[in-house]
């Protein structure tokens, strides 16, 4: 896990998420990038350097946020992007080889009923980049007990599991698998990728109306300190793809959530 990206929104608690990312990165010797995205279009008659001025202000703000963080010897680099958030993340991902994005559940949205706000929701739903969602105020501690929940054990590429494997190897984590059989499941869904099985200490099967309900049922019993789920159109966020926000009534977790993306699904 070489490169970790932290999109910094306008939240006054942005430094807390960056601090968590630094503490996490220090365990792996990773490079941390703090990123801010802005969208400025200079029309006819406008100052041609307006985007440069906004970029400078963004960099100044990022430096202020970085100044609030105990960097632990890590050289936190700055990245800014003029344009759409998702386009910016994809470009930075390709250019820098980002291994993980770390975000808070809500960024700019202050509605308390939301688990993911507009920006954080777009990051999780509209990119294929592994993402760690860290509840605000969470202090980093090594993950010892991981619950990996899914409704289909099919993975087209075992590299999808790389972040989970890196975490398990670094912290000696115990990984429990939870397969949730929901209405309409197929026999194919019950096939579990061998690489996923190799990571696990135990496999539990349950039947529920949704994957999320299955997770809720087992969170208390397993007491994990990390929940791992897969971003696929038939997965945990199945009914939520058309909107960028996620209400707490539809998904909520008090612990960090690692979202691994299943491509071409």
C-alpha atoms as a PDB file:
ATOM      1  CA  UNK A   1       0.000   0.000   0.000  1.00  0.00           C
ATOM      2  CA  UNK A   2       2.214   2.766  -1.317  1.00  0.00           C
ATOM      3  CA  UNK A   3      -0.005   5.800  -1.981  1.00  0.00           C
ATOM      4  CA  UNK A   4      -2.986   7.003   0.061  1.00  0.00           C
ATOM      5  CA  UNK A   5      -5.231   9.884  -1.022  1.00  0.00           C
ATOM      6  CA  UNK A   6      -7.316  12.037   1.312  1.00  0.00           C
ATOM      7  CA  UNK A   7      -9.850  14.302  -0.442  1.00  0.00           C
ATOM      8  CA  UNK A   8     -10.205  17.331   1.819  1.00  0.00           C
ATOM      9  CA  UNK A   9     -13.623  18.994   1.807  1.00  0.00           C
ATOM     10  CA  UNK A  10     -14.820  22.079   3.664  1.00  0.00           C
ATOM     11  CA  UNK A  11     -15.545  20.279   6.935  1.00  0.00           C
ATOM     12  CA  UNK A  12     -13.876  21.884   9.975  1.00  0.00           C
ATOM     13  CA  UNK A  13     -12.944  18.329  11.025  1.00  0.00           C
ATOM     14  CA  UNK A  14     -10.979  17.619   7.829  1.00  0.00           C
ATOM     15  CA  UNK A  15      -7.723  17.508   9.782  1.00  0.00           C
ATOM     16  CA  UNK A  16      -9.063  14.576  11.844  1.00  0.00           C
ATOM     17  CA  UNK A  17      -9.530  12.428   8.749  1.00  0.00           C
ATOM     18  CA  UNK A  18      -6.095  13.441   7.501  1.00  0.00           C
ATOM     19  CA  UNK A  19      -4.597  12.552  10.887  1.00  0.00           C
ATOM     20  CA  UNK A  20      -6.215   9.121  10.740  1.00  0.00           C
ATOM     21  CA  UNK A  21      -4.804   8.632   7.241  1.00  0.00           C
ATOM     22  CA  UNK A  22      -1.314   9.610   8.415  1.00  0.00           C
ATOM     23  CA  UNK A  23      -1.500   7.239  11.394  1.00  0.00           C
ATOM     24  CA  UNK A  24      -2.676   4.448   9.103  1.00  0.00           C
ATOM     25  CA  UNK A  25      -0.066   5.239   6.442  1.00  0.00           C
ATOM     26  CA  UNK A  26       2.751   5.264   8.993  1.00  0.00           C
ATOM     27  CA  UNK A  27       2.125   1.550   9.567  1.00  0.00           C
ATOM     28  CA  UNK A  28       2.803   0.801   5.897  1.00  0.00           C
ATOM     29  CA  UNK A  29       5.365   3.474   5.055  1.00  0.00           C
ATOM     30  CA  UNK A  30       2.864   4.924   2.581  1.00  0.00           C
ATOM     31  CA  UNK A  31       2.925   8.323   0.892  1.00  0.00           C
ATOM     32  CA  UNK A  32      -0.051  10.533   1.790  1.00  0.00           C
ATOM     33  CA  UNK A  33      -1.634  13.013  -0.610  1.00  0.00           C
ATOM     34  CA  UNK A  34      -4.073  15.660   0.617  1.00  0.00           C
ATOM     35  CA  UNK A  35      -6.297  16.719  -2.274  1.00  0.00           C
ATOM     36  CA  UNK A  36      -8.743  19.534  -2.856  1.00  0.00           C
ATOM     37  CA  UNK A  37     -10.959  19.841  -5.917  1.00  0.00           C
ATOM     38  CA  UNK A  38     -12.392  23.122  -7.167  1.00  0.00           C
ATOM     39  CA  UNK A  39     -14.335  24.006 -10.280  1.00  0.00           C
ATOM     40  CA  UNK A  40     -13.540  27.342 -11.939  1.00  0.00           C
ATOM     41  CA  UNK A  41     -14.302  28.229 -15.530  1.00  0.00           C
ATOM     42  CA  UNK A  42     -12.928  31.516 -16.846  1.00  0.00           C
ATOM     43  CA  UNK A  43     -15.261  32.844 -19.543  1.00  0.00           C
ATOM     44  CA  UNK A  44     -14.727  35.639 -22.031  1.00  0.00           C
ATOM     45  CA  UNK A  45     -13.522  38.810 -20.376  1.00  0.00           C
ATOM     46  CA  UNK A  46     -12.538  37.001 -17.193  1.00  0.00           C
ATOM     47  CA  UNK A  47      -9.054  36.959 -15.752  1.00  0.00           C
ATOM     48  CA  UNK A  48      -7.121  34.227 -17.509  1.00  0.00           C
ATOM     49  CA  UNK A  49      -5.280  33.324 -14.328  1.00  0.00           C
ATOM     50  CA  UNK A  50      -8.358  32.988 -12.108  1.00  0.00           C
ATOM     51  CA  UNK A  51      -7.976  29.215 -11.824  1.00  0.00           C
ATOM     52  CA  UNK A  52      -4.347  29.667 -10.807  1.00  0.00           C
ATOM     53  CA  UNK A  53      -5.382  32.054  -8.033  1.00  0.00           C
ATOM     54  CA  UNK A  54      -8.030  29.624  -6.769  1.00  0.00           C
ATOM     55  CA  UNK A  55      -5.476  26.824  -6.902  1.00  0.00           C
ATOM     56  CA  UNK A  56      -3.072  28.907  -4.812  1.00  0.00           C
ATOM     57  CA  UNK A  57      -5.768  29.540  -2.199  1.00  0.00           C
ATOM     58  CA  UNK A  58      -6.593  25.832  -2.160  1.00  0.00           C
ATOM     59  CA  UNK A  59      -2.953  24.996  -1.575  1.00  0.00           C
ATOM     60  CA  UNK A  60      -2.757  27.534   1.251  1.00  0.00           C
ATOM     61  CA  UNK A  61      -5.809  25.999   2.898  1.00  0.00           C
ATOM     62  CA  UNK A  62      -4.381  22.506   2.535  1.00  0.00           C
ATOM     63  CA  UNK A  63      -1.133  23.655   4.135  1.00  0.00           C
ATOM     64  CA  UNK A  64      -3.136  25.049   7.075  1.00  0.00           C
ATOM     65  CA  UNK A  65      -4.920  21.714   7.519  1.00  0.00           C
ATOM     66  CA  UNK A  66      -1.643  19.804   7.252  1.00  0.00           C
ATOM     67  CA  UNK A  67      -0.248  22.118   9.923  1.00  0.00           C
ATOM     68  CA  UNK A  68      -2.840  20.748  12.371  1.00  0.00           C
ATOM     69  CA  UNK A  69      -1.650  17.174  11.856  1.00  0.00           C
ATOM     70  CA  UNK A  70       1.120  15.204  13.531  1.00  0.00           C
ATOM     71  CA  UNK A  71       2.812  14.061  10.335  1.00  0.00           C
ATOM     72  CA  UNK A  72       4.959  11.439  12.107  1.00  0.00           C
ATOM     73  CA  UNK A  73       7.786  11.999   9.671  1.00  0.00           C
ATOM     74  CA  UNK A  74       5.561  11.562   6.609  1.00  0.00           C
ATOM     75  CA  UNK A  75       5.933  14.197   3.900  1.00  0.00           C
ATOM     76  CA  UNK A  76       2.271  14.955   3.150  1.00  0.00           C
ATOM     77  CA  UNK A  77       2.033  16.070  -0.449  1.00  0.00           C
ATOM     78  CA  UNK A  78      -0.589  18.406  -1.888  1.00  0.00           C
ATOM     79  CA  UNK A  79      -2.753  17.758  -4.946  1.00  0.00           C
ATOM     80  CA  UNK A  80      -5.305  20.164  -6.395  1.00  0.00           C
ATOM     81  CA  UNK A  81      -7.618  19.700  -9.358  1.00  0.00           C
ATOM     82  CA  UNK A  82      -9.786  22.109 -11.317  1.00  0.00           C
ATOM     83  CA  UNK A  83     -12.862  20.273 -12.511  1.00  0.00           C
ATOM     84  CA  UNK A  84     -15.255  17.544 -11.457  1.00  0.00           C
ATOM     85  CA  UNK A  85     -14.477  15.610  -8.272  1.00  0.00           C
ATOM     86  CA  UNK A  86     -14.708  12.153  -9.837  1.00  0.00           C
ATOM     87  CA  UNK A  87     -12.703  13.155 -12.905  1.00  0.00           C
ATOM     88  CA  UNK A  88     -10.045  14.551 -10.595  1.00  0.00           C
ATOM     89  CA  UNK A  89      -9.872  11.398  -8.501  1.00  0.00           C
ATOM     90  CA  UNK A  90      -9.596   9.216 -11.585  1.00  0.00           C
ATOM     91  CA  UNK A  91      -6.821  11.379 -13.034  1.00  0.00           C
ATOM     92  CA  UNK A  92      -4.861  11.402  -9.778  1.00  0.00           C
ATOM     93  CA  UNK A  93      -5.418   7.652  -9.414  1.00  0.00           C
ATOM     94  CA  UNK A  94      -3.864   7.030 -12.825  1.00  0.00           C
ATOM     95  CA  UNK A  95      -1.042   9.546 -12.408  1.00  0.00           C
ATOM     96  CA  UNK A  96       0.052   8.641  -8.873  1.00  0.00           C
ATOM     97  CA  UNK A  97      -1.058   5.030  -8.590  1.00  0.00           C
ATOM     98  CA  UNK A  98      -3.354   5.535  -5.615  1.00  0.00           C
ATOM     99  CA  UNK A  99      -3.917   2.354  -3.587  1.00  0.00           C
ATOM    100  CA  UNK A 100      -6.524   3.676  -1.150  1.00  0.00           C
ATOM    101  CA  UNK A 101      -8.770   6.684  -0.560  1.00  0.00           C
ATOM    102  CA  UNK A 102      -9.597   7.613   3.040  1.00  0.00           C
ATOM    103  CA  UNK A 103     -12.698   9.733   3.702  1.00  0.00           C
ATOM    104  CA  UNK A 104     -15.148  10.590   6.465  1.00  0.00           C
ATOM    105  CA  UNK A 105     -18.765   9.410   6.023  1.00  0.00           C
ATOM    106  CA  UNK A 106     -20.038  12.930   5.366  1.00  0.00           C
ATOM    107  CA  UNK A 107     -18.066  15.762   3.816  1.00  0.00           C
ATOM    108  CA  UNK A 108     -19.886  19.020   3.039  1.00  0.00           C
ATOM    109  CA  UNK A 109     -23.401  17.872   3.910  1.00  0.00           C
ATOM    110  CA  UNK A 110     -24.536  18.759   7.433  1.00  0.00           C
ATOM    111  CA  UNK A 111     -27.725  16.671   7.393  1.00  0.00           C
ATOM    112  CA  UNK A 112     -27.345  14.393  10.389  1.00  0.00           C
ATOM    113  CA  UNK A 113     -29.604  11.728   8.910  1.00  0.00           C
ATOM    114  CA  UNK A 114     -27.073  10.996   6.193  1.00  0.00           C
ATOM    115  CA  UNK A 115     -24.339   8.376   6.451  1.00  0.00           C
ATOM    116  CA  UNK A 116     -22.690   9.492   3.203  1.00  0.00           C
ATOM    117  CA  UNK A 117     -23.051  13.071   2.010  1.00  0.00           C
ATOM    118  CA  UNK A 118     -23.043  14.150  -1.627  1.00  0.00           C
ATOM    119  CA  UNK A 119     -19.262  14.251  -2.075  1.00  0.00           C
ATOM    120  CA  UNK A 120     -18.346  11.196  -0.005  1.00  0.00           C
ATOM    121  CA  UNK A 121     -21.212   9.270  -1.603  1.00  0.00           C
ATOM    122  CA  UNK A 122     -19.977  10.077  -5.100  1.00  0.00           C
ATOM    123  CA  UNK A 123     -16.475   8.910  -4.202  1.00  0.00           C
ATOM    124  CA  UNK A 124     -17.736   5.528  -2.982  1.00  0.00           C
ATOM    125  CA  UNK A 125     -20.263   4.970  -5.749  1.00  0.00           C
ATOM    126  CA  UNK A 126     -18.707   6.511  -8.843  1.00  0.00           C
ATOM    127  CA  UNK A 127     -15.113   5.314  -8.655  1.00  0.00           C
ATOM    128  CA  UNK A 128     -13.446   1.902  -8.637  1.00  0.00           C
ATOM    129  CA  UNK A 129     -10.788   3.003  -6.161  1.00  0.00           C
ATOM    130  CA  UNK A 130     -10.667   1.121  -2.822  1.00  0.00           C
ATOM    131  CA  UNK A 131     -12.023   3.428  -0.143  1.00  0.00           C
ATOM    132  CA  UNK A 132     -11.810   3.414   3.647  1.00  0.00           C
ATOM    133  CA  UNK A 133     -14.699   5.280   5.284  1.00  0.00           C
ATOM    134  CA  UNK A 134     -13.674   6.447   8.749  1.00  0.00           C
ATOM    135  CA  UNK A 135     -16.291   7.798  11.200  1.00  0.00           C
ATOM    136  CA  UNK A 136     -15.481  11.275  12.420  1.00  0.00           C
ATOM    137  CA  UNK A 137     -13.508  11.357  15.636  1.00  0.00           C
ATOM    138  CA  UNK A 138     -12.145   7.843  15.141  1.00  0.00           C
ATOM    139  CA  UNK A 139      -8.580   7.351  16.388  1.00  0.00           C
ATOM    140  CA  UNK A 140      -6.541   4.838  14.444  1.00  0.00           C
ATOM    141  CA  UNK A 141      -5.940   1.463  16.037  1.00  0.00           C
ATOM    142  CA  UNK A 142      -4.658  -1.661  14.267  1.00  0.00           C
ATOM    143  CA  UNK A 143      -7.508  -3.799  12.965  1.00  0.00           C
ATOM    144  CA  UNK A 144      -7.686  -7.128  14.781  1.00  0.00           C
ATOM    145  CA  UNK A 145     -11.135  -8.409  13.841  1.00  0.00           C
ATOM    146  CA  UNK A 146     -12.501  -7.865  10.321  1.00  0.00           C
ATOM    147  CA  UNK A 147     -15.982  -8.806   9.114  1.00  0.00           C
ATOM    148  CA  UNK A 148     -16.139  -9.193   5.326  1.00  0.00           C
ATOM    149  CA  UNK A 149     -19.758  -9.330   4.167  1.00  0.00           C
ATOM    150  CA  UNK A 150     -21.144 -10.105   0.727  1.00  0.00           C
ATOM    151  CA  UNK A 151     -24.088 -11.655  -1.114  1.00  0.00           C
ATOM    152  CA  UNK A 152     -21.997 -13.125  -3.935  1.00  0.00           C
ATOM    153  CA  UNK A 153     -18.610 -14.743  -3.508  1.00  0.00           C
ATOM    154  CA  UNK A 154     -17.692 -14.256  -7.160  1.00  0.00           C
ATOM    155  CA  UNK A 155     -14.582 -12.133  -7.752  1.00  0.00           C
ATOM    156  CA  UNK A 156     -13.245 -11.838 -11.280  1.00  0.00           C
ATOM    157  CA  UNK A 157      -9.798 -10.739 -10.118  1.00  0.00           C
ATOM    158  CA  UNK A 158      -8.160 -11.594  -6.794  1.00  0.00           C
ATOM    159  CA  UNK A 159      -6.280  -8.269  -6.934  1.00  0.00           C
ATOM    160  CA  UNK A 160      -9.521  -6.724  -5.703  1.00  0.00           C
ATOM    161  CA  UNK A 161      -8.563  -8.146  -2.309  1.00  0.00           C
ATOM    162  CA  UNK A 162      -5.112  -6.510  -2.177  1.00  0.00           C
ATOM    163  CA  UNK A 163      -6.024  -3.801   0.405  1.00  0.00           C
ATOM    164  CA  UNK A 164      -7.699  -6.368   2.649  1.00  0.00           C
ATOM    165  CA  UNK A 165      -4.756  -8.744   2.306  1.00  0.00           C
ATOM    166  CA  UNK A 166      -2.292  -5.951   3.129  1.00  0.00           C
ATOM    167  CA  UNK A 167      -4.236  -5.025   6.271  1.00  0.00           C
ATOM    168  CA  UNK A 168      -4.506  -8.645   7.389  1.00  0.00           C
ATOM    169  CA  UNK A 169      -0.790  -9.261   6.898  1.00  0.00           C
ATOM    170  CA  UNK A 170       0.298  -6.026   8.588  1.00  0.00           C
ATOM    171  CA  UNK A 171      -1.857  -6.359  11.704  1.00  0.00           C
ATOM    172  CA  UNK A 172      -2.348 -10.119  11.902  1.00  0.00           C
ATOM    173  CA  UNK A 173      -6.085  -9.527  11.598  1.00  0.00           C
ATOM    174  CA  UNK A 174      -8.681 -12.260  11.943  1.00  0.00           C
ATOM    175  CA  UNK A 175     -11.029 -12.162   8.937  1.00  0.00           C
ATOM    176  CA  UNK A 176     -14.537 -13.571   9.267  1.00  0.00           C
ATOM    177  CA  UNK A 177     -16.633 -14.004   6.124  1.00  0.00           C
ATOM    178  CA  UNK A 178     -20.377 -13.413   6.131  1.00  0.00           C
ATOM    179  CA  UNK A 179     -22.328 -14.565   3.079  1.00  0.00           C
ATOM    180  CA  UNK A 180     -25.852 -13.139   3.041  1.00  0.00           C
ATOM    181  CA  UNK A 181     -28.338 -15.026   0.910  1.00  0.00           C
ATOM    182  CA  UNK A 182     -31.005 -12.570  -0.232  1.00  0.00           C
ATOM    183  CA  UNK A 183     -34.176 -13.231  -2.259  1.00  0.00           C
ATOM    184  CA  UNK A 184     -33.321 -14.091  -5.859  1.00  0.00           C
ATOM    185  CA  UNK A 185     -29.842 -15.434  -5.171  1.00  0.00           C
ATOM    186  CA  UNK A 186     -28.405 -17.915  -7.665  1.00  0.00           C
ATOM    187  CA  UNK A 187     -26.322 -21.028  -7.164  1.00  0.00           C
ATOM    188  CA  UNK A 188     -23.488 -19.176  -8.870  1.00  0.00           C
ATOM    189  CA  UNK A 189     -23.591 -16.556  -6.117  1.00  0.00           C
ATOM    190  CA  UNK A 190     -22.805 -19.259  -3.578  1.00  0.00           C
ATOM    191  CA  UNK A 191     -19.430 -19.940  -5.183  1.00  0.00           C
ATOM    192  CA  UNK A 192     -16.725 -18.194  -3.176  1.00  0.00           C
ATOM    193  CA  UNK A 193     -13.449 -17.053  -4.680  1.00  0.00           C
ATOM    194  CA  UNK A 194     -10.602 -19.198  -3.354  1.00  0.00           C
ATOM    195  CA  UNK A 195      -8.439 -16.158  -2.560  1.00  0.00           C
ATOM    196  CA  UNK A 196     -11.253 -14.812  -0.401  1.00  0.00           C
ATOM    197  CA  UNK A 197     -11.625 -18.135   1.390  1.00  0.00           C
ATOM    198  CA  UNK A 198      -7.872 -18.261   2.001  1.00  0.00           C
ATOM    199  CA  UNK A 199      -8.114 -14.969   3.907  1.00  0.00           C
ATOM    200  CA  UNK A 200     -10.786 -16.146   6.299  1.00  0.00           C
ATOM    201  CA  UNK A 201     -10.846 -17.792   9.679  1.00  0.00           C
ATOM    202  CA  UNK A 202     -14.555 -18.588   9.500  1.00  0.00           C
ATOM    203  CA  UNK A 203     -17.452 -18.486   7.020  1.00  0.00           C
ATOM    204  CA  UNK A 204     -21.000 -17.806   8.175  1.00  0.00           C
ATOM    205  CA  UNK A 205     -24.077 -18.115   5.955  1.00  0.00           C
ATOM    206  CA  UNK A 206     -27.283 -16.275   6.734  1.00  0.00           C
ATOM    207  CA  UNK A 207     -30.543 -15.419   4.952  1.00  0.00           C
ATOM    208  CA  UNK A 208     -31.928 -11.879   5.060  1.00  0.00           C
ATOM    209  CA  UNK A 209     -34.020  -9.523   2.961  1.00  0.00           C
ATOM    210  CA  UNK A 210     -30.940  -7.387   2.217  1.00  0.00           C
ATOM    211  CA  UNK A 211     -27.185  -7.658   2.679  1.00  0.00           C
ATOM    212  CA  UNK A 212     -27.271  -4.738   5.102  1.00  0.00           C
ATOM    213  CA  UNK A 213     -29.791  -6.458   7.368  1.00  0.00           C
ATOM    214  CA  UNK A 214     -27.546  -9.501   7.413  1.00  0.00           C
ATOM    215  CA  UNK A 215     -24.626  -7.307   8.445  1.00  0.00           C
ATOM    216  CA  UNK A 216     -26.615  -5.654  11.235  1.00  0.00           C
ATOM    217  CA  UNK A 217     -27.523  -9.063  12.594  1.00  0.00           C
ATOM    218  CA  UNK A 218     -23.880 -10.085  12.916  1.00  0.00           C
ATOM    219  CA  UNK A 219     -22.100  -6.843  13.845  1.00  0.00           C
ATOM    220  CA  UNK A 220     -22.949  -7.232  17.505  1.00  0.00           C
ATOM    221  CA  UNK A 221     -22.084 -10.929  17.587  1.00  0.00           C
ATOM    222  CA  UNK A 222     -18.737 -10.578  15.803  1.00  0.00           C
ATOM    223  CA  UNK A 223     -17.714  -7.216  17.314  1.00  0.00           C
ATOM    224  CA  UNK A 224     -15.417  -6.342  14.373  1.00  0.00           C
ATOM    225  CA  UNK A 225     -13.282  -3.210  14.329  1.00  0.00           C
ATOM    226  CA  UNK A 226     -13.416  -3.090  10.508  1.00  0.00           C
ATOM    227  CA  UNK A 227     -16.249  -3.938   8.126  1.00  0.00           C
ATOM    228  CA  UNK A 228     -15.283  -4.856   4.561  1.00  0.00           C
ATOM    229  CA  UNK A 229     -17.887  -4.791   1.769  1.00  0.00           C
ATOM    230  CA  UNK A 230     -17.808  -4.904  -2.015  1.00  0.00           C
ATOM    231  CA  UNK A 231     -18.983  -2.175  -4.351  1.00  0.00           C
ATOM    232  CA  UNK A 232     -20.995  -4.000  -6.982  1.00  0.00           C
ATOM    233  CA  UNK A 233     -24.318  -3.199  -8.579  1.00  0.00           C
ATOM    234  CA  UNK A 234     -25.868  -6.222  -6.919  1.00  0.00           C
ATOM    235  CA  UNK A 235     -24.136  -5.708  -3.590  1.00  0.00           C
ATOM    236  CA  UNK A 236     -24.456  -3.778  -0.346  1.00  0.00           C
ATOM    237  CA  UNK A 237     -25.460  -0.512  -2.026  1.00  0.00           C
ATOM    238  CA  UNK A 238     -27.736  -2.243  -4.551  1.00  0.00           C
ATOM    239  CA  UNK A 239     -30.673   0.141  -4.304  1.00  0.00           C
ATOM    240  CA  UNK A 240     -28.600   3.270  -3.800  1.00  0.00           C
ATOM    241  CA  UNK A 241     -26.684   3.750  -7.036  1.00  0.00           C
ATOM    242  CA  UNK A 242     -28.927   6.422  -8.545  1.00  0.00           C
ATOM    243  CA  UNK A 243     -28.399   8.882  -5.722  1.00  0.00           C
ATOM    244  CA  UNK A 244     -25.147  10.095  -4.238  1.00  0.00           C
ATOM    245  CA  UNK A 245     -26.240  10.405  -0.614  1.00  0.00           C
ATOM    246  CA  UNK A 246     -26.953   7.426   1.648  1.00  0.00           C
ATOM    247  CA  UNK A 247     -29.395   7.891   4.562  1.00  0.00           C
ATOM    248  CA  UNK A 248     -28.433   6.255   7.832  1.00  0.00           C
ATOM    249  CA  UNK A 249     -31.677   4.291   7.670  1.00  0.00           C
ATOM    250  CA  UNK A 250     -30.346   2.474   4.591  1.00  0.00           C
ATOM    251  CA  UNK A 251     -26.740   1.988   5.687  1.00  0.00           C
ATOM    252  CA  UNK A 252     -24.815   3.014   8.773  1.00  0.00           C
ATOM    253  CA  UNK A 253     -21.713   1.794  10.605  1.00  0.00           C
ATOM    254  CA  UNK A 254     -19.983   3.095  13.715  1.00  0.00           C
ATOM    255  CA  UNK A 255     -16.711   1.446  12.694  1.00  0.00           C
ATOM    256  CA  UNK A 256     -14.455   2.019   9.670  1.00  0.00           C
ATOM    257  CA  UNK A 257     -15.772   0.490   6.440  1.00  0.00           C
ATOM    258  CA  UNK A 258     -13.454  -0.718   3.691  1.00  0.00           C
ATOM    259  CA  UNK A 259     -15.179  -0.659   0.288  1.00  0.00           C
ATOM    260  CA  UNK A 260     -13.533  -2.827  -2.368  1.00  0.00           C
ATOM    261  CA  UNK A 261     -14.726  -2.342  -5.923  1.00  0.00           C
ATOM    262  CA  UNK A 262     -15.679  -5.245  -8.149  1.00  0.00           C
ATOM    263  CA  UNK A 263     -15.155  -4.108 -11.736  1.00  0.00           C
ATOM    264  CA  UNK A 264     -17.162  -5.268 -14.740  1.00  0.00           C
ATOM    265  CA  UNK A 265     -19.962  -6.539 -12.544  1.00  0.00           C
END
